[in-house]
Amino acid sequence: MLDAIERETAAHPTASVIVLHGLGADGSDFLPIADELDLTAAGPVRYVFPHAPVRPITLNGGYKMRAWYDILNDDLVRREDEAGLRASIPLVQQFIDRERERGVAPERIVLAGFSQGCAMTLLTGLRYPERLAGLVGLSGYLPLAASTAAERSQANLSTPIFLAHGRADPVVHFQRALTSRDALRELGYSVEWHEYDMPHSVCAPEIADLNRWLLKALA
């Protein structure tokens, strides 16, 4: 199992938020964001921040860094690392399963991610065999979109999804995010969409919107 950083807001958590980082980062990347969230009304929460494996990234000349899958080039649609994406699904599922083993019901588990982490959140969460509390995708996209309808789990058809993106994102272009949002809605998912005047990053209004959504998802 991959290493991870964990934080608990109080003893005996009854809800879990698993956060997947982006390319080249690690689990510590979103610790400051968790510090800004106030989920007191949802009860004790355990935050889990996994570290992705280290692997060579083709787009970066084979340089090794933490990544959930390879980036073959800057076209995130036509050339996806399908093998790498699929290999990381069980790595992420292990963290959901472990929270269940520690007594947190699946409908009290939120899976979240930024950029690559967003892609893995949607890829894994929509296929997970039990209903989760919600899926959060920040500055990312829906990978292997053509296979989603055939491979998705019936258990998560009603799982709410929070998607947020910057209109000036130079990494995952805004139109790519819109296409992902529309594809999910066409499949019948309840998607709460937010867009902001920011690049490939996170902003204060986004955290405030996410805080409200998390309290609703974990109510």
N, C-alpha and C. Protein backbone atom coordinates (compact mmCIF):
# COMPACT_ATOMS: atom_id res chain seq x y z
N MET A 1 0.84 -1.19 0.00
CA MET A 1 0.00 0.00 0.00
C MET A 1 0.88 1.25 0.00
N LEU A 2 0.45 2.28 -0.72
CA LEU A 2 1.21 3.52 -0.80
C LEU A 2 1.25 4.22 0.55
N ASP A 3 2.31 4.99 0.77
CA ASP A 3 2.40 5.81 1.97
C ASP A 3 1.41 6.96 1.87
N ALA A 4 1.02 7.48 3.02
CA ALA A 4 0.08 8.60 3.06
C ALA A 4 0.27 9.39 4.34
N ILE A 5 -0.12 10.65 4.28
CA ILE A 5 -0.19 11.51 5.47
C ILE A 5 -1.64 11.49 5.95
N GLU A 6 -1.83 11.45 7.25
CA GLU A 6 -3.18 11.44 7.80
C GLU A 6 -3.33 12.53 8.86
N ARG A 7 -4.51 13.10 8.90
CA ARG A 7 -4.87 14.05 9.94
C ARG A 7 -6.30 13.79 10.38
N GLU A 8 -6.55 13.89 11.67
CA GLU A 8 -7.90 13.71 12.21
C GLU A 8 -8.31 14.98 12.93
N THR A 9 -9.54 15.42 12.69
CA THR A 9 -10.03 16.63 13.35
C THR A 9 -10.41 16.36 14.80
N ALA A 10 -10.66 15.09 15.13
CA ALA A 10 -10.98 14.67 16.49
C ALA A 10 -10.85 13.16 16.54
N ALA A 11 -10.91 12.62 17.74
CA ALA A 11 -10.79 11.17 17.89
C ALA A 11 -11.99 10.45 17.29
N HIS A 12 -11.77 9.21 16.90
CA HIS A 12 -12.81 8.34 16.38
C HIS A 12 -13.57 8.95 15.19
N PRO A 13 -12.90 9.20 14.08
CA PRO A 13 -13.55 9.80 12.91
C PRO A 13 -14.72 8.97 12.41
N THR A 14 -15.75 9.67 12.00
CA THR A 14 -16.93 9.02 11.42
C THR A 14 -17.08 9.36 9.94
N ALA A 15 -16.14 10.14 9.41
CA ALA A 15 -16.13 10.48 7.99
C ALA A 15 -14.68 10.59 7.54
N SER A 16 -14.44 10.36 6.26
CA SER A 16 -13.09 10.42 5.71
C SER A 16 -13.08 11.20 4.41
N VAL A 17 -12.03 11.99 4.21
CA VAL A 17 -11.81 12.70 2.95
C VAL A 17 -10.43 12.30 2.45
N ILE A 18 -10.40 11.60 1.33
CA ILE A 18 -9.16 11.13 0.72
C ILE A 18 -8.81 12.08 -0.42
N VAL A 19 -7.62 12.69 -0.37
CA VAL A 19 -7.25 13.73 -1.34
C VAL A 19 -6.04 13.27 -2.15
N LEU A 20 -6.18 13.23 -3.47
CA LEU A 20 -5.13 12.79 -4.38
C LEU A 20 -4.46 14.00 -5.03
N HIS A 21 -3.15 14.08 -4.90
CA HIS A 21 -2.40 15.23 -5.41
C HIS A 21 -2.19 15.16 -6.93
N GLY A 22 -1.63 16.22 -7.47
CA GLY A 22 -1.36 16.30 -8.90
C GLY A 22 0.05 15.88 -9.27
N LEU A 23 0.38 15.99 -10.53
CA LEU A 23 1.67 15.57 -11.08
C LEU A 23 2.83 16.30 -10.41
N GLY A 24 3.81 15.53 -9.94
CA GLY A 24 5.02 16.10 -9.38
C GLY A 24 4.91 16.60 -7.95
N ALA A 25 3.72 16.52 -7.37
CA ALA A 25 3.52 16.93 -5.97
C ALA A 25 3.59 15.69 -5.08
N ASP A 26 3.10 15.82 -3.86
CA ASP A 26 2.96 14.66 -2.99
C ASP A 26 1.81 14.92 -2.03
N GLY A 27 1.63 14.02 -1.07
CA GLY A 27 0.48 14.12 -0.19
C GLY A 27 0.44 15.39 0.63
N SER A 28 1.58 16.02 0.84
CA SER A 28 1.61 17.23 1.67
C SER A 28 1.05 18.45 0.94
N ASP A 29 0.84 18.33 -0.35
CA ASP A 29 0.45 19.48 -1.18
C ASP A 29 -0.85 20.12 -0.70
N PHE A 30 -1.78 19.32 -0.22
CA PHE A 30 -3.09 19.86 0.14
C PHE A 30 -3.33 19.93 1.64
N LEU A 31 -2.28 19.76 2.43
CA LEU A 31 -2.43 19.95 3.87
C LEU A 31 -2.92 21.35 4.22
N PRO A 32 -2.41 22.40 3.59
CA PRO A 32 -2.90 23.75 3.93
C PRO A 32 -4.38 23.94 3.60
N ILE A 33 -4.85 23.28 2.54
CA ILE A 33 -6.27 23.40 2.18
C ILE A 33 -7.14 22.76 3.25
N ALA A 34 -6.72 21.60 3.74
CA ALA A 34 -7.48 20.94 4.79
C ALA A 34 -7.56 21.81 6.04
N ASP A 35 -6.49 22.55 6.30
CA ASP A 35 -6.48 23.44 7.46
C ASP A 35 -7.51 24.56 7.32
N GLU A 36 -7.83 24.91 6.06
CA GLU A 36 -8.79 25.98 5.83
C GLU A 36 -10.24 25.51 5.88
N LEU A 37 -10.45 24.21 5.74
CA LEU A 37 -11.81 23.66 5.76
C LEU A 37 -12.31 23.53 7.20
N ASP A 38 -13.59 23.79 7.40
CA ASP A 38 -14.21 23.61 8.70
C ASP A 38 -15.40 22.67 8.54
N LEU A 39 -15.16 21.40 8.85
CA LEU A 39 -16.20 20.38 8.71
C LEU A 39 -16.71 19.93 10.07
N THR A 40 -16.63 20.81 11.07
CA THR A 40 -17.04 20.48 12.42
C THR A 40 -18.46 19.93 12.47
N ALA A 41 -19.34 20.52 11.68
CA ALA A 41 -20.74 20.10 11.70
C ALA A 41 -20.92 18.67 11.18
N ALA A 42 -19.94 18.15 10.46
CA ALA A 42 -20.03 16.77 9.94
C ALA A 42 -19.50 15.75 10.93
N GLY A 43 -18.98 16.21 12.07
CA GLY A 43 -18.42 15.29 13.05
C GLY A 43 -16.92 15.10 12.82
N PRO A 44 -16.28 14.20 13.57
CA PRO A 44 -14.85 13.96 13.41
C PRO A 44 -14.51 13.44 12.02
N VAL A 45 -13.50 14.04 11.40
CA VAL A 45 -13.13 13.68 10.02
C VAL A 45 -11.66 13.27 9.98
N ARG A 46 -11.39 12.21 9.23
CA ARG A 46 -10.00 11.83 8.95
C ARG A 46 -9.66 12.24 7.52
N TYR A 47 -8.61 13.05 7.37
CA TYR A 47 -8.08 13.39 6.05
C TYR A 47 -6.95 12.43 5.72
N VAL A 48 -6.96 11.91 4.50
CA VAL A 48 -5.92 11.00 4.05
C VAL A 48 -5.32 11.58 2.77
N PHE A 49 -3.97 11.75 2.77
CA PHE A 49 -3.27 12.35 1.64
C PHE A 49 -2.23 11.36 1.11
N PRO A 50 -2.61 10.47 0.19
CA PRO A 50 -1.66 9.48 -0.33
C PRO A 50 -0.56 10.12 -1.18
N HIS A 51 0.60 9.45 -1.21
CA HIS A 51 1.69 9.82 -2.11
C HIS A 51 1.64 8.90 -3.33
N ALA A 52 1.54 9.45 -4.52
CA ALA A 52 1.54 8.64 -5.75
C ALA A 52 2.91 8.00 -5.94
N PRO A 53 2.98 6.92 -6.72
CA PRO A 53 4.28 6.30 -7.03
C PRO A 53 5.17 7.26 -7.82
N VAL A 54 6.47 7.01 -7.78
CA VAL A 54 7.42 7.76 -8.60
C VAL A 54 7.60 7.02 -9.92
N ARG A 55 7.46 7.75 -11.03
CA ARG A 55 7.56 7.12 -12.35
C ARG A 55 8.10 8.12 -13.36
N PRO A 56 8.70 7.65 -14.46
CA PRO A 56 9.16 8.57 -15.51
C PRO A 56 7.97 9.17 -16.26
N ILE A 57 8.07 10.45 -16.58
CA ILE A 57 7.00 11.14 -17.29
C ILE A 57 7.49 11.50 -18.69
N THR A 58 6.85 10.93 -19.69
CA THR A 58 7.27 11.11 -21.08
C THR A 58 7.32 12.57 -21.48
N LEU A 59 6.28 13.33 -21.13
CA LEU A 59 6.21 14.74 -21.53
C LEU A 59 7.38 15.54 -20.96
N ASN A 60 7.91 15.09 -19.82
CA ASN A 60 9.03 15.78 -19.18
C ASN A 60 10.37 15.10 -19.48
N GLY A 61 10.46 14.46 -20.63
CA GLY A 61 11.71 13.86 -21.05
C GLY A 61 12.12 12.64 -20.26
N GLY A 62 11.15 11.98 -19.66
CA GLY A 62 11.43 10.79 -18.88
C GLY A 62 11.86 11.06 -17.45
N TYR A 63 11.81 12.32 -17.06
CA TYR A 63 12.19 12.67 -15.68
C TYR A 63 11.23 12.00 -14.70
N LYS A 64 11.78 11.42 -13.63
CA LYS A 64 10.95 10.69 -12.67
C LYS A 64 10.38 11.63 -11.61
N MET A 65 9.10 11.45 -11.34
CA MET A 65 8.42 12.25 -10.33
C MET A 65 7.18 11.49 -9.87
N ARG A 66 6.60 11.98 -8.80
CA ARG A 66 5.37 11.33 -8.33
C ARG A 66 4.24 11.60 -9.32
N ALA A 67 3.57 10.54 -9.71
CA ALA A 67 2.48 10.67 -10.68
C ALA A 67 1.58 9.45 -10.60
N TRP A 68 0.31 9.66 -10.82
CA TRP A 68 -0.63 8.54 -10.82
C TRP A 68 -0.58 7.79 -12.15
N TYR A 69 -0.11 8.46 -13.21
CA TYR A 69 0.02 7.85 -14.54
C TYR A 69 0.91 8.73 -15.39
N ASP A 70 1.34 8.22 -16.51
CA ASP A 70 2.24 8.95 -17.40
C ASP A 70 1.46 9.99 -18.20
N ILE A 71 2.13 11.07 -18.56
CA ILE A 71 1.60 12.07 -19.48
C ILE A 71 2.40 11.94 -20.77
N LEU A 72 1.78 11.43 -21.80
CA LEU A 72 2.49 11.12 -23.04
C LEU A 72 2.80 12.38 -23.85
N ASN A 73 1.88 13.32 -23.87
CA ASN A 73 2.11 14.63 -24.50
C ASN A 73 1.08 15.60 -23.94
N ASP A 74 1.01 16.80 -24.49
CA ASP A 74 0.11 17.79 -23.92
C ASP A 74 -1.33 17.64 -24.41
N ASP A 75 -1.62 16.62 -25.20
CA ASP A 75 -2.99 16.32 -25.62
C ASP A 75 -3.55 15.28 -24.65
N LEU A 76 -4.42 15.73 -23.74
CA LEU A 76 -4.93 14.84 -22.69
C LEU A 76 -6.10 13.98 -23.16
N VAL A 77 -6.48 14.11 -24.42
CA VAL A 77 -7.64 13.37 -24.93
C VAL A 77 -7.22 12.25 -25.86
N ARG A 78 -6.40 12.56 -26.85
CA ARG A 78 -6.10 11.59 -27.91
C ARG A 78 -5.06 10.55 -27.49
N ARG A 79 -4.18 10.89 -26.56
CA ARG A 79 -3.13 9.96 -26.14
C ARG A 79 -3.10 9.86 -24.63
N GLU A 80 -3.92 9.00 -24.10
CA GLU A 80 -3.97 8.78 -22.66
C GLU A 80 -3.17 7.54 -22.30
N ASP A 81 -2.56 7.56 -21.13
CA ASP A 81 -1.84 6.40 -20.62
C ASP A 81 -2.84 5.46 -19.96
N GLU A 82 -3.56 4.73 -20.80
CA GLU A 82 -4.63 3.88 -20.28
C GLU A 82 -4.10 2.84 -19.31
N ALA A 83 -2.96 2.23 -19.63
CA ALA A 83 -2.40 1.20 -18.74
C ALA A 83 -2.05 1.80 -17.38
N GLY A 84 -1.45 2.97 -17.38
CA GLY A 84 -1.08 3.61 -16.13
C GLY A 84 -2.29 4.03 -15.32
N LEU A 85 -3.29 4.58 -16.00
CA LEU A 85 -4.53 4.96 -15.33
C LEU A 85 -5.18 3.76 -14.65
N ARG A 86 -5.29 2.69 -15.40
CA ARG A 86 -5.96 1.50 -14.84
C ARG A 86 -5.15 0.86 -13.72
N ALA A 87 -3.83 0.94 -13.82
CA ALA A 87 -2.99 0.35 -12.77
C ALA A 87 -3.13 1.10 -11.45
N SER A 88 -3.48 2.38 -11.51
CA SER A 88 -3.61 3.17 -10.29
C SER A 88 -4.98 3.05 -9.63
N ILE A 89 -5.96 2.51 -10.35
CA ILE A 89 -7.29 2.35 -9.73
C ILE A 89 -7.22 1.53 -8.44
N PRO A 90 -6.62 0.33 -8.44
CA PRO A 90 -6.56 -0.42 -7.18
C PRO A 90 -5.73 0.25 -6.11
N LEU A 91 -4.75 1.07 -6.49
CA LEU A 91 -3.96 1.81 -5.50
C LEU A 91 -4.84 2.79 -4.73
N VAL A 92 -5.74 3.44 -5.46
CA VAL A 92 -6.65 4.39 -4.82
C VAL A 92 -7.74 3.65 -4.05
N GLN A 93 -8.25 2.58 -4.63
CA GLN A 93 -9.30 1.80 -3.97
C GLN A 93 -8.85 1.28 -2.61
N GLN A 94 -7.57 0.97 -2.48
CA GLN A 94 -7.06 0.48 -1.21
C GLN A 94 -7.30 1.47 -0.07
N PHE A 95 -7.20 2.75 -0.38
CA PHE A 95 -7.41 3.75 0.66
C PHE A 95 -8.89 3.84 1.05
N ILE A 96 -9.78 3.69 0.08
CA ILE A 96 -11.21 3.65 0.41
C ILE A 96 -11.50 2.41 1.26
N ASP A 97 -10.97 1.28 0.83
CA ASP A 97 -11.21 0.03 1.57
C ASP A 97 -10.67 0.12 2.99
N ARG A 98 -9.53 0.75 3.16
CA ARG A 98 -8.96 0.83 4.51
C ARG A 98 -9.82 1.70 5.42
N GLU A 99 -10.40 2.76 4.89
CA GLU A 99 -11.29 3.57 5.71
C GLU A 99 -12.51 2.77 6.14
N ARG A 100 -13.01 1.95 5.26
CA ARG A 100 -14.13 1.07 5.61
C ARG A 100 -13.72 0.09 6.70
N GLU A 101 -12.52 -0.46 6.57
CA GLU A 101 -12.03 -1.40 7.59
C GLU A 101 -11.87 -0.73 8.94
N ARG A 102 -11.63 0.58 8.92
CA ARG A 102 -11.47 1.31 10.18
C ARG A 102 -12.80 1.85 10.71
N GLY A 103 -13.88 1.42 10.10
CA GLY A 103 -15.20 1.73 10.64
C GLY A 103 -15.94 2.88 10.01
N VAL A 104 -15.41 3.46 8.95
CA VAL A 104 -16.11 4.55 8.27
C VAL A 104 -16.96 3.97 7.14
N ALA A 105 -18.23 4.23 7.19
CA ALA A 105 -19.14 3.71 6.16
C ALA A 105 -18.80 4.34 4.81
N PRO A 106 -18.93 3.60 3.70
CA PRO A 106 -18.58 4.15 2.39
C PRO A 106 -19.35 5.42 2.04
N GLU A 107 -20.61 5.52 2.50
CA GLU A 107 -21.39 6.72 2.21
C GLU A 107 -20.96 7.91 3.05
N ARG A 108 -19.89 7.72 3.85
CA ARG A 108 -19.29 8.82 4.62
C ARG A 108 -17.85 9.07 4.18
N ILE A 109 -17.51 8.58 2.99
CA ILE A 109 -16.17 8.75 2.45
C ILE A 109 -16.23 9.61 1.19
N VAL A 110 -15.45 10.68 1.18
CA VAL A 110 -15.34 11.55 0.01
C VAL A 110 -13.98 11.30 -0.63
N LEU A 111 -13.98 11.11 -1.93
CA LEU A 111 -12.73 10.99 -2.69
C LEU A 111 -12.54 12.28 -3.48
N ALA A 112 -11.37 12.89 -3.34
CA ALA A 112 -11.12 14.18 -3.96
C ALA A 112 -9.75 14.18 -4.62
N GLY A 113 -9.56 15.10 -5.58
CA GLY A 113 -8.25 15.18 -6.22
C GLY A 113 -8.07 16.43 -7.05
N PHE A 114 -6.80 16.80 -7.24
CA PHE A 114 -6.43 17.96 -8.04
C PHE A 114 -5.66 17.51 -9.28
N SER A 115 -6.05 17.99 -10.46
CA SER A 115 -5.37 17.70 -11.72
C SER A 115 -5.33 16.19 -11.99
N GLN A 116 -4.14 15.57 -11.98
CA GLN A 116 -4.09 14.11 -12.11
C GLN A 116 -4.92 13.44 -11.03
N GLY A 117 -4.89 14.01 -9.84
CA GLY A 117 -5.68 13.46 -8.74
C GLY A 117 -7.17 13.52 -9.02
N CYS A 118 -7.61 14.58 -9.73
CA CYS A 118 -9.00 14.68 -10.15
C CYS A 118 -9.34 13.55 -11.12
N ALA A 119 -8.45 13.33 -12.09
CA ALA A 119 -8.67 12.26 -13.06
C ALA A 119 -8.82 10.91 -12.35
N MET A 120 -7.95 10.64 -11.37
CA MET A 120 -8.02 9.36 -10.66
C MET A 120 -9.25 9.30 -9.76
N THR A 121 -9.68 10.42 -9.23
CA THR A 121 -10.90 10.46 -8.42
C THR A 121 -12.10 10.04 -9.25
N LEU A 122 -12.24 10.63 -10.43
CA LEU A 122 -13.38 10.29 -11.27
C LEU A 122 -13.28 8.87 -11.81
N LEU A 123 -12.08 8.48 -12.22
CA LEU A 123 -11.88 7.14 -12.77
C LEU A 123 -12.21 6.07 -11.73
N THR A 124 -11.72 6.26 -10.52
CA THR A 124 -11.89 5.26 -9.47
C THR A 124 -13.26 5.36 -8.82
N GLY A 125 -13.67 6.57 -8.48
CA GLY A 125 -14.92 6.75 -7.75
C GLY A 125 -16.14 6.28 -8.50
N LEU A 126 -16.18 6.54 -9.81
CA LEU A 126 -17.35 6.12 -10.59
C LEU A 126 -17.41 4.61 -10.76
N ARG A 127 -16.30 3.93 -10.53
CA ARG A 127 -16.25 2.48 -10.68
C ARG A 127 -16.29 1.74 -9.34
N TYR A 128 -16.25 2.48 -8.24
CA TYR A 128 -16.22 1.83 -6.93
C TYR A 128 -17.55 1.11 -6.68
N PRO A 129 -17.53 -0.12 -6.16
CA PRO A 129 -18.74 -0.94 -6.07
C PRO A 129 -19.74 -0.55 -4.99
N GLU A 130 -19.39 0.41 -4.13
CA GLU A 130 -20.33 0.87 -3.11
C GLU A 130 -20.47 2.38 -3.18
N ARG A 131 -21.62 2.88 -2.76
CA ARG A 131 -21.87 4.32 -2.87
C ARG A 131 -20.98 5.11 -1.93
N LEU A 132 -20.35 6.13 -2.48
CA LEU A 132 -19.52 7.04 -1.71
C LEU A 132 -20.30 8.32 -1.40
N ALA A 133 -19.78 9.09 -0.44
CA ALA A 133 -20.46 10.33 -0.07
C ALA A 133 -20.40 11.37 -1.18
N GLY A 134 -19.29 11.38 -1.91
CA GLY A 134 -19.14 12.35 -2.98
C GLY A 134 -17.77 12.27 -3.64
N LEU A 135 -17.67 12.89 -4.80
CA LEU A 135 -16.43 12.96 -5.55
C LEU A 135 -16.11 14.43 -5.82
N VAL A 136 -14.85 14.80 -5.61
CA VAL A 136 -14.43 16.19 -5.80
C VAL A 136 -13.32 16.23 -6.85
N GLY A 137 -13.54 16.99 -7.91
CA GLY A 137 -12.53 17.11 -8.96
C GLY A 137 -12.13 18.57 -9.14
N LEU A 138 -10.87 18.88 -8.83
CA LEU A 138 -10.37 20.24 -8.94
C LEU A 138 -9.35 20.33 -10.08
N SER A 139 -9.60 21.23 -11.02
CA SER A 139 -8.65 21.52 -12.11
C SER A 139 -8.22 20.26 -12.85
N GLY A 140 -9.17 19.40 -13.14
CA GLY A 140 -8.85 18.15 -13.82
C GLY A 140 -9.83 17.81 -14.93
N TYR A 141 -9.99 16.53 -15.18
CA TYR A 141 -10.82 16.10 -16.30
C TYR A 141 -11.23 14.64 -16.10
N LEU A 142 -12.15 14.18 -16.92
CA LEU A 142 -12.62 12.80 -16.90
C LEU A 142 -11.76 11.97 -17.85
N PRO A 143 -10.95 11.04 -17.34
CA PRO A 143 -10.12 10.21 -18.21
C PRO A 143 -10.90 9.00 -18.74
N LEU A 144 -10.41 8.41 -19.81
CA LEU A 144 -11.05 7.23 -20.41
C LEU A 144 -12.56 7.44 -20.51
N ALA A 145 -12.93 8.62 -20.96
CA ALA A 145 -14.34 9.01 -20.96
C ALA A 145 -15.22 8.03 -21.74
N ALA A 146 -14.72 7.49 -22.84
CA ALA A 146 -15.53 6.62 -23.68
C ALA A 146 -15.92 5.32 -22.99
N SER A 147 -15.16 4.92 -21.96
CA SER A 147 -15.44 3.66 -21.29
C SER A 147 -16.27 3.83 -20.02
N THR A 148 -16.56 5.07 -19.64
CA THR A 148 -17.24 5.32 -18.37
C THR A 148 -18.61 4.67 -18.29
N ALA A 149 -19.42 4.82 -19.33
CA ALA A 149 -20.78 4.28 -19.30
C ALA A 149 -20.80 2.77 -19.10
N ALA A 150 -19.87 2.08 -19.76
CA ALA A 150 -19.86 0.61 -19.68
C ALA A 150 -19.25 0.11 -18.37
N GLU A 151 -18.35 0.88 -17.78
CA GLU A 151 -17.59 0.39 -16.62
C GLU A 151 -18.05 0.96 -15.28
N ARG A 152 -18.89 1.96 -15.29
CA ARG A 152 -19.27 2.60 -14.03
C ARG A 152 -20.09 1.66 -13.14
N SER A 153 -20.05 1.96 -11.85
CA SER A 153 -20.79 1.17 -10.88
C SER A 153 -22.19 1.74 -10.71
N GLN A 154 -23.16 0.87 -10.67
CA GLN A 154 -24.54 1.31 -10.45
C GLN A 154 -24.69 1.93 -9.06
N ALA A 155 -23.85 1.50 -8.13
CA ALA A 155 -23.96 1.99 -6.76
C ALA A 155 -23.68 3.49 -6.66
N ASN A 156 -22.89 4.03 -7.58
CA ASN A 156 -22.50 5.44 -7.47
C ASN A 156 -23.20 6.34 -8.48
N LEU A 157 -24.29 5.87 -9.05
CA LEU A 157 -25.01 6.70 -10.01
C LEU A 157 -25.56 7.97 -9.36
N SER A 158 -25.90 7.88 -8.07
CA SER A 158 -26.47 9.04 -7.38
C SER A 158 -25.45 9.79 -6.54
N THR A 159 -24.20 9.41 -6.61
CA THR A 159 -23.16 10.09 -5.83
C THR A 159 -22.94 11.50 -6.37
N PRO A 160 -23.03 12.52 -5.53
CA PRO A 160 -22.84 13.90 -6.01
C PRO A 160 -21.38 14.16 -6.38
N ILE A 161 -21.18 15.04 -7.36
CA ILE A 161 -19.85 15.38 -7.85
C ILE A 161 -19.66 16.89 -7.80
N PHE A 162 -18.54 17.32 -7.25
CA PHE A 162 -18.16 18.74 -7.22
C PHE A 162 -17.00 18.92 -8.18
N LEU A 163 -17.18 19.76 -9.20
CA LEU A 163 -16.12 20.06 -10.15
C LEU A 163 -15.83 21.55 -10.14
N ALA A 164 -14.56 21.90 -10.09
CA ALA A 164 -14.15 23.31 -10.11
C ALA A 164 -12.94 23.47 -11.02
N HIS A 165 -12.88 24.61 -11.71
CA HIS A 165 -11.80 24.80 -12.68
C HIS A 165 -11.53 26.29 -12.89
N GLY A 166 -10.29 26.60 -13.25
CA GLY A 166 -9.91 27.96 -13.56
C GLY A 166 -10.08 28.27 -15.04
N ARG A 167 -10.67 29.40 -15.33
CA ARG A 167 -10.89 29.76 -16.73
C ARG A 167 -9.58 30.05 -17.46
N ALA A 168 -8.51 30.33 -16.71
CA ALA A 168 -7.21 30.63 -17.33
C ALA A 168 -6.23 29.49 -17.14
N ASP A 169 -6.72 28.27 -16.99
CA ASP A 169 -5.85 27.11 -16.75
C ASP A 169 -5.06 26.77 -18.02
N PRO A 170 -3.72 26.87 -17.98
CA PRO A 170 -2.91 26.55 -19.16
C PRO A 170 -2.49 25.08 -19.22
N VAL A 171 -2.79 24.31 -18.18
CA VAL A 171 -2.36 22.91 -18.10
C VAL A 171 -3.49 21.98 -18.55
N VAL A 172 -4.61 22.05 -17.84
CA VAL A 172 -5.82 21.34 -18.27
C VAL A 172 -6.76 22.42 -18.76
N HIS A 173 -6.85 22.57 -20.06
CA HIS A 173 -7.58 23.69 -20.63
C HIS A 173 -9.05 23.68 -20.22
N PHE A 174 -9.58 24.88 -20.09
CA PHE A 174 -10.94 25.07 -19.58
C PHE A 174 -11.95 24.27 -20.39
N GLN A 175 -11.79 24.24 -21.71
CA GLN A 175 -12.75 23.51 -22.55
C GLN A 175 -12.73 22.02 -22.24
N ARG A 176 -11.56 21.49 -21.89
CA ARG A 176 -11.46 20.07 -21.52
C ARG A 176 -12.29 19.80 -20.27
N ALA A 177 -12.26 20.72 -19.33
CA ALA A 177 -13.05 20.57 -18.12
C ALA A 177 -14.55 20.66 -18.42
N LEU A 178 -14.92 21.58 -19.29
CA LEU A 178 -16.33 21.71 -19.67
C LEU A 178 -16.83 20.44 -20.35
N THR A 179 -15.99 19.87 -21.21
CA THR A 179 -16.37 18.63 -21.90
C THR A 179 -16.58 17.50 -20.89
N SER A 180 -15.73 17.43 -19.89
CA SER A 180 -15.86 16.41 -18.86
C SER A 180 -17.15 16.62 -18.06
N ARG A 181 -17.39 17.86 -17.68
CA ARG A 181 -18.63 18.17 -16.95
C ARG A 181 -19.86 17.73 -17.74
N ASP A 182 -19.88 18.10 -19.02
CA ASP A 182 -21.05 17.77 -19.84
C ASP A 182 -21.20 16.27 -20.03
N ALA A 183 -20.08 15.56 -20.18
CA ALA A 183 -20.14 14.10 -20.34
C ALA A 183 -20.74 13.44 -19.10
N LEU A 184 -20.35 13.92 -17.93
CA LEU A 184 -20.88 13.35 -16.68
C LEU A 184 -22.37 13.66 -16.54
N ARG A 185 -22.76 14.86 -16.88
CA ARG A 185 -24.18 15.21 -16.79
C ARG A 185 -25.01 14.40 -17.78
N GLU A 186 -24.46 14.17 -18.96
CA GLU A 186 -25.18 13.36 -19.95
C GLU A 186 -25.37 11.93 -19.48
N LEU A 187 -24.47 11.47 -18.62
CA LEU A 187 -24.59 10.12 -18.05
C LEU A 187 -25.52 10.10 -16.84
N GLY A 188 -26.04 11.25 -16.47
CA GLY A 188 -27.02 11.31 -15.40
C GLY A 188 -26.50 11.69 -14.03
N TYR A 189 -25.22 12.07 -13.94
CA TYR A 189 -24.66 12.41 -12.64
C TYR A 189 -25.04 13.83 -12.22
N SER A 190 -25.18 14.01 -10.92
CA SER A 190 -25.46 15.33 -10.36
C SER A 190 -24.13 16.05 -10.15
N VAL A 191 -23.83 17.00 -11.02
CA VAL A 191 -22.55 17.70 -10.99
C VAL A 191 -22.77 19.15 -10.57
N GLU A 192 -22.14 19.54 -9.46
CA GLU A 192 -22.13 20.94 -9.08
C GLU A 192 -20.87 21.57 -9.67
N TRP A 193 -21.05 22.54 -10.54
CA TRP A 193 -19.94 23.11 -11.30
C TRP A 193 -19.59 24.50 -10.79
N HIS A 194 -18.28 24.76 -10.68
CA HIS A 194 -17.80 26.10 -10.30
C HIS A 194 -16.61 26.45 -11.17
N GLU A 195 -16.56 27.70 -11.61
CA GLU A 195 -15.42 28.19 -12.38
C GLU A 195 -14.94 29.51 -11.80
N TYR A 196 -13.63 29.74 -11.93
CA TYR A 196 -13.02 30.89 -11.27
C TYR A 196 -11.99 31.54 -12.19
N ASP A 197 -11.70 32.80 -11.92
CA ASP A 197 -10.64 33.51 -12.66
C ASP A 197 -9.30 33.16 -12.03
N MET A 198 -8.76 32.00 -12.41
CA MET A 198 -7.48 31.55 -11.87
C MET A 198 -6.82 30.61 -12.88
N PRO A 199 -5.52 30.37 -12.75
CA PRO A 199 -4.82 29.40 -13.61
C PRO A 199 -4.99 27.99 -13.05
N HIS A 200 -3.95 27.16 -13.16
CA HIS A 200 -4.00 25.77 -12.68
C HIS A 200 -3.65 25.78 -11.18
N SER A 201 -4.61 26.15 -10.37
CA SER A 201 -4.35 26.34 -8.95
C SER A 201 -5.65 26.25 -8.16
N VAL A 202 -5.60 26.70 -6.93
CA VAL A 202 -6.77 26.72 -6.05
C VAL A 202 -6.91 28.13 -5.51
N CYS A 203 -8.15 28.60 -5.33
CA CYS A 203 -8.36 29.96 -4.83
C CYS A 203 -9.30 29.93 -3.63
N ALA A 204 -9.32 31.02 -2.86
CA ALA A 204 -10.12 31.10 -1.64
C ALA A 204 -11.62 30.90 -1.88
N PRO A 205 -12.22 31.54 -2.90
CA PRO A 205 -13.65 31.30 -3.14
C PRO A 205 -13.95 29.83 -3.44
N GLU A 206 -13.02 29.16 -4.11
CA GLU A 206 -13.19 27.74 -4.41
C GLU A 206 -13.24 26.92 -3.13
N ILE A 207 -12.34 27.22 -2.18
CA ILE A 207 -12.32 26.49 -0.91
C ILE A 207 -13.62 26.73 -0.14
N ALA A 208 -14.12 27.95 -0.17
CA ALA A 208 -15.38 28.25 0.50
C ALA A 208 -16.53 27.47 -0.12
N ASP A 209 -16.57 27.41 -1.44
CA ASP A 209 -17.62 26.64 -2.13
C ASP A 209 -17.50 25.16 -1.81
N LEU A 210 -16.26 24.67 -1.79
CA LEU A 210 -16.03 23.26 -1.48
C LEU A 210 -16.45 22.94 -0.05
N ASN A 211 -16.16 23.84 0.87
CA ASN A 211 -16.53 23.62 2.28
C ASN A 211 -18.03 23.44 2.41
N ARG A 212 -18.78 24.30 1.76
CA ARG A 212 -20.25 24.19 1.82
C ARG A 212 -20.72 22.87 1.23
N TRP A 213 -20.11 22.49 0.10
CA TRP A 213 -20.53 21.25 -0.56
C TRP A 213 -20.19 20.03 0.29
N LEU A 214 -19.02 20.01 0.90
CA LEU A 214 -18.63 18.87 1.74
C LEU A 214 -19.56 18.70 2.94
N LEU A 215 -19.95 19.82 3.55
CA LEU A 215 -20.88 19.72 4.67
C LEU A 215 -22.21 19.12 4.24
N LYS A 216 -22.62 19.45 3.03
CA LYS A 216 -23.87 18.88 2.51
C LYS A 216 -23.70 17.41 2.18
N ALA A 217 -22.57 17.04 1.58
CA ALA A 217 -22.32 15.65 1.19
C ALA A 217 -22.18 14.75 2.41
N LEU A 218 -21.65 15.29 3.50
CA LEU A 218 -21.41 14.50 4.71
C LEU A 218 -22.49 14.72 5.77
N ALA A 219 -23.57 15.38 5.40
CA ALA A 219 -24.63 15.67 6.37
C ALA A 219 -25.29 14.36 6.85
